[in-house]
Amino acid sequence: MELAQGQEPCVVVRRASGPVRVAAVRRHGGWVFAWGRGRDHWGPALDGETPHRIRAAAW
């Protein structure tokens, strides 16, 4: 867990090529997990596929 001052709290997944930071944010009236920029780097927090997408990004 990373609690940097002035930034959203996030979970940091360490990897050789650099960390992946995953934050829970409100988007489109609901909660999503965001781990980068762009359409391919966020998913609904309650979607069972989103954790698999985060894991794939961390590999």
Protein backbone atom coordinates (compact mmCIF):
# COMPACT_ATOMS: atom_id res chain seq x y z
CA MET A 1 0.00 0.00 0.00
CA GLU A 2 1.35 3.41 -0.96
CA LEU A 3 0.02 6.51 0.77
CA ALA A 4 1.98 9.29 -0.96
CA GLN A 5 1.05 12.81 0.11
CA GLY A 6 -1.05 14.59 -2.51
CA GLN A 7 -1.84 11.39 -4.44
CA GLU A 8 -4.57 8.78 -4.35
CA PRO A 9 -3.81 5.78 -2.11
CA CYS A 10 -2.86 2.75 -4.19
CA VAL A 11 -1.62 -0.81 -4.05
CA VAL A 12 1.81 -1.22 -5.64
CA VAL A 13 2.64 -4.42 -7.52
CA ARG A 14 6.43 -4.67 -7.82
CA ARG A 15 7.97 -6.04 -11.01
CA ALA A 16 11.40 -5.96 -12.68
CA SER A 17 10.38 -3.37 -15.30
CA GLY A 18 8.89 -1.02 -12.69
CA PRO A 19 5.91 -0.94 -10.35
CA VAL A 20 2.26 -1.13 -11.34
CA ARG A 21 0.14 1.15 -9.14
CA VAL A 22 -3.52 0.19 -8.75
CA ALA A 23 -5.97 2.74 -7.35
CA ALA A 24 -9.70 2.55 -6.69
CA VAL A 25 -11.41 5.60 -8.19
CA ARG A 26 -14.96 6.75 -8.90
CA ARG A 27 -15.75 6.76 -12.60
CA HIS A 28 -19.06 6.79 -14.47
CA GLY A 29 -21.05 6.67 -11.23
CA GLY A 30 -19.30 3.59 -9.84
CA TRP A 31 -15.96 2.33 -8.57
CA VAL A 32 -13.21 1.11 -10.85
CA PHE A 33 -9.63 -0.09 -10.43
CA ALA A 34 -7.20 1.98 -12.49
CA TRP A 35 -3.60 0.88 -13.10
CA GLY A 36 -2.41 3.13 -15.90
CA ARG A 37 -3.65 5.52 -18.53
CA GLY A 38 -6.11 4.85 -21.28
CA ARG A 39 -9.15 2.67 -21.86
CA ASP A 40 -7.27 -0.59 -21.42
CA HIS A 41 -5.98 0.28 -17.95
CA TRP A 42 -9.11 0.33 -15.84
CA GLY A 43 -12.00 -1.97 -15.07
CA PRO A 44 -15.09 -2.10 -12.87
CA ALA A 45 -14.17 -2.93 -9.28
CA LEU A 46 -16.86 -5.65 -9.02
CA ASP A 47 -16.05 -7.30 -12.37
CA GLY A 48 -14.42 -10.69 -11.86
CA GLU A 49 -12.23 -10.18 -14.94
CA THR A 50 -10.56 -6.97 -13.69
CA PRO A 51 -8.10 -8.68 -11.29
CA HIS A 52 -6.97 -10.96 -14.14
CA ARG A 53 -6.32 -7.91 -16.33
CA ILE A 54 -4.29 -6.28 -13.54
CA ARG A 55 -2.24 -9.46 -13.10
CA ALA A 56 -1.59 -9.62 -16.85
CA ALA A 57 -0.36 -6.00 -16.80
CA ALA A 58 2.03 -6.83 -13.96
CA TRP A 59 3.73 -9.70 -15.81
